[in-house]
Amino acid sequence: MNKQAESIDRFLRLDEVLHTTGLGRNTVYRRIREGTFPKQVRIGPNSVAWRQSAIAQWMIDLTPSNDQSVH
């Protein structure tokens, strides 16, 4: 696999986004409307997905810089 192919982003469907983030479906769509969650991209006439990199960046941005767990 060449370097460019290795850096290609994955598309995540809603079930993967929910599993990865731990958020519920309604929360994801509410946060999209609020502008606090990455927007989905259209990948077909009746299909949307999220870029894995956008979800990963959202999770990084949400994590405190010291990355300590909250008790």
PDB file of N, CA and C in Angstrom:
ATOM      1  N   MET A   1       0.849  -1.180   0.000  1.00  0.00           N
ATOM      2  CA  MET A   1       0.000   0.000   0.000  1.00  0.00           C
ATOM      3  C   MET A   1       0.893   1.242   0.000  1.00  0.00           C
ATOM      4  N   ASN A   2       0.605   2.178  -0.864  1.00  0.00           N
ATOM      5  CA  ASN A   2       1.440   3.375  -0.919  1.00  0.00           C
ATOM      6  C   ASN A   2       1.076   4.347   0.197  1.00  0.00           C
ATOM      7  N   LYS A   3       1.914   5.339   0.378  1.00  0.00           N
ATOM      8  CA  LYS A   3       1.750   6.314   1.467  1.00  0.00           C
ATOM      9  C   LYS A   3       0.399   7.019   1.392  1.00  0.00           C
ATOM     10  N   GLN A   4      -0.014   7.435   0.197  1.00  0.00           N
ATOM     11  CA  GLN A   4      -1.284   8.143   0.043  1.00  0.00           C
ATOM     12  C   GLN A   4      -2.460   7.240   0.423  1.00  0.00           C
ATOM     13  N   ALA A   5      -2.427   5.994   0.019  1.00  0.00           N
ATOM     14  CA  ALA A   5      -3.508   5.065   0.340  1.00  0.00           C
ATOM     15  C   ALA A   5      -3.597   4.828   1.842  1.00  0.00           C
ATOM     16  N   GLU A   6      -2.446   4.815   2.528  1.00  0.00           N
ATOM     17  CA  GLU A   6      -2.446   4.615   3.975  1.00  0.00           C
ATOM     18  C   GLU A   6      -3.106   5.767   4.708  1.00  0.00           C
ATOM     19  N   SER A   7      -3.053   6.963   4.132  1.00  0.00           N
ATOM     20  CA  SER A   7      -3.598   8.132   4.817  1.00  0.00           C
ATOM     21  C   SER A   7      -5.059   8.408   4.456  1.00  0.00           C
ATOM     22  N   ILE A   8      -5.672   7.555   3.655  1.00  0.00           N
ATOM     23  CA  ILE A   8      -7.070   7.748   3.286  1.00  0.00           C
ATOM     24  C   ILE A   8      -7.940   7.553   4.524  1.00  0.00           C
ATOM     25  N   ASP A   9      -8.862   8.478   4.703  1.00  0.00           N
ATOM     26  CA  ASP A   9      -9.771   8.467   5.834  1.00  0.00           C
ATOM     27  C   ASP A   9     -10.819   7.367   5.670  1.00  0.00           C
ATOM     28  N   ARG A  10     -11.301   6.834   6.769  1.00  0.00           N
ATOM     29  CA  ARG A  10     -12.405   5.877   6.735  1.00  0.00           C
ATOM     30  C   ARG A  10     -13.709   6.621   6.939  1.00  0.00           C
ATOM     31  N   PHE A  11     -14.765   6.112   6.348  1.00  0.00           N
ATOM     32  CA  PHE A  11     -16.105   6.619   6.624  1.00  0.00           C
ATOM     33  C   PHE A  11     -16.732   5.729   7.681  1.00  0.00           C
ATOM     34  N   LEU A  12     -17.317   6.351   8.689  1.00  0.00           N
ATOM     35  CA  LEU A  12     -18.000   5.613   9.741  1.00  0.00           C
ATOM     36  C   LEU A  12     -19.496   5.828   9.606  1.00  0.00           C
ATOM     37  N   ARG A  13     -20.246   4.748   9.671  1.00  0.00           N
ATOM     38  CA  ARG A  13     -21.700   4.854   9.651  1.00  0.00           C
ATOM     39  C   ARG A  13     -22.177   5.183  11.069  1.00  0.00           C
ATOM     40  N   LEU A  14     -23.446   5.545  11.186  1.00  0.00           N
ATOM     41  CA  LEU A  14     -23.979   6.006  12.463  1.00  0.00           C
ATOM     42  C   LEU A  14     -23.727   5.010  13.596  1.00  0.00           C
ATOM     43  N   ASP A  15     -23.943   3.727  13.364  1.00  0.00           N
ATOM     44  CA  ASP A  15     -23.761   2.757  14.452  1.00  0.00           C
ATOM     45  C   ASP A  15     -22.319   2.736  14.955  1.00  0.00           C
ATOM     46  N   GLU A  16     -21.360   2.924  14.048  1.00  0.00           N
ATOM     47  CA  GLU A  16     -19.958   2.972  14.470  1.00  0.00           C
ATOM     48  C   GLU A  16     -19.668   4.245  15.254  1.00  0.00           C
ATOM     49  N   VAL A  17     -20.259   5.366  14.820  1.00  0.00           N
ATOM     50  CA  VAL A  17     -20.076   6.640  15.520  1.00  0.00           C
ATOM     51  C   VAL A  17     -20.642   6.539  16.935  1.00  0.00           C
ATOM     52  N   LEU A  18     -21.840   5.954  17.062  1.00  0.00           N
ATOM     53  CA  LEU A  18     -22.458   5.806  18.374  1.00  0.00           C
ATOM     54  C   LEU A  18     -21.597   4.927  19.280  1.00  0.00           C
ATOM     55  N   HIS A  19     -21.100   3.834  18.728  1.00  0.00           N
ATOM     56  CA  HIS A  19     -20.262   2.916  19.507  1.00  0.00           C
ATOM     57  C   HIS A  19     -18.948   3.588  19.917  1.00  0.00           C
ATOM     58  N   THR A  20     -18.327   4.306  18.990  1.00  0.00           N
ATOM     59  CA  THR A  20     -17.032   4.934  19.251  1.00  0.00           C
ATOM     60  C   THR A  20     -17.131   6.048  20.278  1.00  0.00           C
ATOM     61  N   THR A  21     -18.179   6.873  20.167  1.00  0.00           N
ATOM     62  CA  THR A  21     -18.296   8.040  21.041  1.00  0.00           C
ATOM     63  C   THR A  21     -19.036   7.755  22.336  1.00  0.00           C
ATOM     64  N   GLY A  22     -19.881   6.727  22.330  1.00  0.00           N
ATOM     65  CA  GLY A  22     -20.713   6.455  23.497  1.00  0.00           C
ATOM     66  C   GLY A  22     -21.935   7.345  23.568  1.00  0.00           C
ATOM     67  N   LEU A  23     -22.147   8.153  22.537  1.00  0.00           N
ATOM     68  CA  LEU A  23     -23.311   9.034  22.496  1.00  0.00           C
ATOM     69  C   LEU A  23     -24.514   8.295  21.932  1.00  0.00           C
ATOM     70  N   GLY A  24     -25.692   8.815  22.202  1.00  0.00           N
ATOM     71  CA  GLY A  24     -26.912   8.286  21.615  1.00  0.00           C
ATOM     72  C   GLY A  24     -27.220   8.991  20.308  1.00  0.00           C
ATOM     73  N   ARG A  25     -28.087   8.377  19.512  1.00  0.00           N
ATOM     74  CA  ARG A  25     -28.452   8.924  18.206  1.00  0.00           C
ATOM     75  C   ARG A  25     -29.000  10.350  18.314  1.00  0.00           C
ATOM     76  N   ASN A  26     -29.951  10.566  19.231  1.00  0.00           N
ATOM     77  CA  ASN A  26     -30.542  11.902  19.378  1.00  0.00           C
ATOM     78  C   ASN A  26     -29.501  12.931  19.790  1.00  0.00           C
ATOM     79  N   THR A  27     -28.572  12.526  20.653  1.00  0.00           N
ATOM     80  CA  THR A  27     -27.516  13.435  21.103  1.00  0.00           C
ATOM     81  C   THR A  27     -26.610  13.832  19.942  1.00  0.00           C
ATOM     82  N   VAL A  28     -26.251  12.866  19.110  1.00  0.00           N
ATOM     83  CA  VAL A  28     -25.401  13.163  17.955  1.00  0.00           C
ATOM     84  C   VAL A  28     -26.071  14.203  17.063  1.00  0.00           C
ATOM     85  N   TYR A  29     -27.326  13.977  16.700  1.00  0.00           N
ATOM     86  CA  TYR A  29     -28.011  14.906  15.792  1.00  0.00           C
ATOM     87  C   TYR A  29     -28.274  16.256  16.452  1.00  0.00           C
ATOM     88  N   ARG A  30     -28.543  16.261  17.765  1.00  0.00           N
ATOM     89  CA  ARG A  30     -28.728  17.539  18.461  1.00  0.00           C
ATOM     90  C   ARG A  30     -27.423  18.331  18.452  1.00  0.00           C
ATOM     91  N   ARG A  31     -26.309  17.650  18.727  1.00  0.00           N
ATOM     92  CA  ARG A  31     -25.020  18.344  18.745  1.00  0.00           C
ATOM     93  C   ARG A  31     -24.613  18.822  17.354  1.00  0.00           C
ATOM     94  N   ILE A  32     -24.983  18.097  16.324  1.00  0.00           N
ATOM     95  CA  ILE A  32     -24.723  18.568  14.960  1.00  0.00           C
ATOM     96  C   ILE A  32     -25.474  19.884  14.742  1.00  0.00           C
ATOM     97  N   ARG A  33     -26.753  19.912  15.141  1.00  0.00           N
ATOM     98  CA  ARG A  33     -27.543  21.148  14.996  1.00  0.00           C
ATOM     99  C   ARG A  33     -26.937  22.294  15.799  1.00  0.00           C
ATOM    100  N   GLU A  34     -26.401  21.982  16.973  1.00  0.00           N
ATOM    101  CA  GLU A  34     -25.784  23.006  17.830  1.00  0.00           C
ATOM    102  C   GLU A  34     -24.406  23.421  17.333  1.00  0.00           C
ATOM    103  N   GLY A  35     -23.844  22.640  16.414  1.00  0.00           N
ATOM    104  CA  GLY A  35     -22.507  22.938  15.902  1.00  0.00           C
ATOM    105  C   GLY A  35     -21.391  22.427  16.793  1.00  0.00           C
ATOM    106  N   THR A  36     -21.702  21.471  17.682  1.00  0.00           N
ATOM    107  CA  THR A  36     -20.684  20.961  18.603  1.00  0.00           C
ATOM    108  C   THR A  36     -20.261  19.535  18.289  1.00  0.00           C
ATOM    109  N   PHE A  37     -20.634  19.044  17.116  1.00  0.00           N
ATOM    110  CA  PHE A  37     -20.257  17.693  16.692  1.00  0.00           C
ATOM    111  C   PHE A  37     -20.034  17.720  15.193  1.00  0.00           C
ATOM    112  N   PRO A  38     -19.076  16.932  14.688  1.00  0.00           N
ATOM    113  CA  PRO A  38     -18.805  16.938  13.239  1.00  0.00           C
ATOM    114  C   PRO A  38     -20.046  16.583  12.414  1.00  0.00           C
ATOM    115  N   LYS A  39     -20.218  17.291  11.318  1.00  0.00           N
ATOM    116  CA  LYS A  39     -21.334  17.006  10.413  1.00  0.00           C
ATOM    117  C   LYS A  39     -21.040  15.771   9.581  1.00  0.00           C
ATOM    118  N   GLN A  40     -22.089  15.073   9.221  1.00  0.00           N
ATOM    119  CA  GLN A  40     -21.948  13.908   8.366  1.00  0.00           C
ATOM    120  C   GLN A  40     -21.736  14.357   6.923  1.00  0.00           C
ATOM    121  N   VAL A  41     -21.199  13.455   6.119  1.00  0.00           N
ATOM    122  CA  VAL A  41     -21.019  13.723   4.685  1.00  0.00           C
ATOM    123  C   VAL A  41     -21.870  12.730   3.905  1.00  0.00           C
ATOM    124  N   ARG A  42     -22.405  13.182   2.786  1.00  0.00           N
ATOM    125  CA  ARG A  42     -23.236  12.308   1.951  1.00  0.00           C
ATOM    126  C   ARG A  42     -22.322  11.411   1.126  1.00  0.00           C
ATOM    127  N   ILE A  43     -22.535  10.100   1.234  1.00  0.00           N
ATOM    128  CA  ILE A  43     -21.712   9.153   0.465  1.00  0.00           C
ATOM    129  C   ILE A  43     -22.527   8.430  -0.594  1.00  0.00           C
ATOM    130  N   GLY A  44     -23.805   8.745  -0.667  1.00  0.00           N
ATOM    131  CA  GLY A  44     -24.688   8.146  -1.669  1.00  0.00           C
ATOM    132  C   GLY A  44     -26.033   8.835  -1.605  1.00  0.00           C
ATOM    133  N   PRO A  45     -26.949   8.486  -2.501  1.00  0.00           N
ATOM    134  CA  PRO A  45     -28.253   9.153  -2.547  1.00  0.00           C
ATOM    135  C   PRO A  45     -29.007   9.064  -1.219  1.00  0.00           C
ATOM    136  N   ASN A  46     -28.871   7.951  -0.525  1.00  0.00           N
ATOM    137  CA  ASN A  46     -29.578   7.764   0.740  1.00  0.00           C
ATOM    138  C   ASN A  46     -28.633   7.375   1.871  1.00  0.00           C
ATOM    139  N   SER A  47     -27.379   7.749   1.741  1.00  0.00           N
ATOM    140  CA  SER A  47     -26.383   7.321   2.727  1.00  0.00           C
ATOM    141  C   SER A  47     -25.526   8.484   3.193  1.00  0.00           C
ATOM    142  N   VAL A  48     -25.317   8.530   4.502  1.00  0.00           N
ATOM    143  CA  VAL A  48     -24.388   9.500   5.076  1.00  0.00           C
ATOM    144  C   VAL A  48     -23.421   8.757   5.984  1.00  0.00           C
ATOM    145  N   ALA A  49     -22.295   9.387   6.234  1.00  0.00           N
ATOM    146  CA  ALA A  49     -21.289   8.817   7.124  1.00  0.00           C
ATOM    147  C   ALA A  49     -20.472   9.966   7.700  1.00  0.00           C
ATOM    148  N   TRP A  50     -19.632   9.646   8.645  1.00  0.00           N
ATOM    149  CA  TRP A  50     -18.736  10.621   9.246  1.00  0.00           C
ATOM    150  C   TRP A  50     -17.310  10.215   8.943  1.00  0.00           C
ATOM    151  N   ARG A  51     -16.448  11.200   8.783  1.00  0.00           N
ATOM    152  CA  ARG A  51     -15.032  10.906   8.581  1.00  0.00           C
ATOM    153  C   ARG A  51     -14.445  10.475   9.924  1.00  0.00           C
ATOM    154  N   GLN A  52     -13.718   9.375   9.910  1.00  0.00           N
ATOM    155  CA  GLN A  52     -13.110   8.874  11.134  1.00  0.00           C
ATOM    156  C   GLN A  52     -12.194   9.933  11.755  1.00  0.00           C
ATOM    157  N   SER A  53     -11.464  10.656  10.923  1.00  0.00           N
ATOM    158  CA  SER A  53     -10.549  11.680  11.434  1.00  0.00           C
ATOM    159  C   SER A  53     -11.301  12.795  12.157  1.00  0.00           C
ATOM    160  N   ALA A  54     -12.486  13.154  11.671  1.00  0.00           N
ATOM    161  CA  ALA A  54     -13.278  14.207  12.315  1.00  0.00           C
ATOM    162  C   ALA A  54     -13.776  13.756  13.681  1.00  0.00           C
ATOM    163  N   ILE A  55     -14.196  12.495  13.769  1.00  0.00           N
ATOM    164  CA  ILE A  55     -14.654  11.952  15.045  1.00  0.00           C
ATOM    165  C   ILE A  55     -13.482  11.857  16.020  1.00  0.00           C
ATOM    166  N   ALA A  56     -12.341  11.378  15.540  1.00  0.00           N
ATOM    167  CA  ALA A  56     -11.153  11.271  16.394  1.00  0.00           C
ATOM    168  C   ALA A  56     -10.737  12.642  16.905  1.00  0.00           C
ATOM    169  N   GLN A  57     -10.750  13.656  16.031  1.00  0.00           N
ATOM    170  CA  GLN A  57     -10.358  15.006  16.444  1.00  0.00           C
ATOM    171  C   GLN A  57     -11.334  15.564  17.461  1.00  0.00           C
ATOM    172  N   TRP A  58     -12.635  15.306  17.264  1.00  0.00           N
ATOM    173  CA  TRP A  58     -13.655  15.753  18.220  1.00  0.00           C
ATOM    174  C   TRP A  58     -13.372  15.142  19.594  1.00  0.00           C
ATOM    175  N   MET A  59     -13.027  13.855  19.629  1.00  0.00           N
ATOM    176  CA  MET A  59     -12.747  13.185  20.897  1.00  0.00           C
ATOM    177  C   MET A  59     -11.483  13.748  21.547  1.00  0.00           C
ATOM    178  N   ILE A  60     -10.463  14.046  20.751  1.00  0.00           N
ATOM    179  CA  ILE A  60      -9.230  14.635  21.275  1.00  0.00           C
ATOM    180  C   ILE A  60      -9.525  16.006  21.857  1.00  0.00           C
ATOM    181  N   ASP A  61     -10.295  16.806  21.128  1.00  0.00           N
ATOM    182  CA  ASP A  61     -10.619  18.158  21.579  1.00  0.00           C
ATOM    183  C   ASP A  61     -11.449  18.139  22.861  1.00  0.00           C
ATOM    184  N   LEU A  62     -12.239  17.103  23.055  1.00  0.00           N
ATOM    185  CA  LEU A  62     -13.096  16.978  24.222  1.00  0.00           C
ATOM    186  C   LEU A  62     -12.320  16.541  25.452  1.00  0.00           C
ATOM    187  N   THR A  63     -11.191  15.859  25.242  1.00  0.00           N
ATOM    188  CA  THR A  63     -10.401  15.309  26.335  1.00  0.00           C
ATOM    189  C   THR A  63      -9.566  16.407  26.981  1.00  0.00           C
ATOM    190  N   PRO A  64      -9.616  16.498  28.306  1.00  0.00           N
ATOM    191  CA  PRO A  64      -8.763  17.488  28.980  1.00  0.00           C
ATOM    192  C   PRO A  64      -7.311  17.278  28.617  1.00  0.00           C
ATOM    193  N   SER A  65      -6.546  18.358  28.577  1.00  0.00           N
ATOM    194  CA  SER A  65      -5.155  18.289  28.127  1.00  0.00           C
ATOM    195  C   SER A  65      -4.296  17.402  29.016  1.00  0.00           C
ATOM    196  N   ASN A  66      -4.651  17.274  30.296  1.00  0.00           N
ATOM    197  CA  ASN A  66      -3.848  16.408  31.157  1.00  0.00           C
ATOM    198  C   ASN A  66      -4.289  14.941  31.025  1.00  0.00           C
ATOM    199  N   ASP A  67      -5.396  14.704  30.336  1.00  0.00           N
ATOM    200  CA  ASP A  67      -5.878  13.356  30.022  1.00  0.00           C
ATOM    201  C   ASP A  67      -6.046  12.462  31.246  1.00  0.00           C
ATOM    202  N   GLN A  68      -6.381  13.072  32.379  1.00  0.00           N
ATOM    203  CA  GLN A  68      -6.631  12.295  33.582  1.00  0.00           C
ATOM    204  C   GLN A  68      -8.114  11.990  33.668  1.00  0.00           C
ATOM    205  N   SER A  69      -8.427  10.812  34.162  1.00  0.00           N
ATOM    206  CA  SER A  69      -9.834  10.452  34.264  1.00  0.00           C
ATOM    207  C   SER A  69     -10.488  11.212  35.403  1.00  0.00           C
ATOM    208  N   VAL A  70     -11.743  11.528  35.201  1.00  0.00           N
ATOM    209  CA  VAL A  70     -12.520  12.254  36.195  1.00  0.00           C
ATOM    210  C   VAL A  70     -13.140  11.249  37.148  1.00  0.00           C
ATOM    211  N   HIS A  71     -13.021  11.492  38.436  1.00  0.00           N
ATOM    212  CA  HIS A  71     -13.577  10.547  39.416  1.00  0.00           C
ATOM    213  C   HIS A  71     -14.820  11.115  40.061  1.00  0.00           C
TER     214      HIS A  71
END
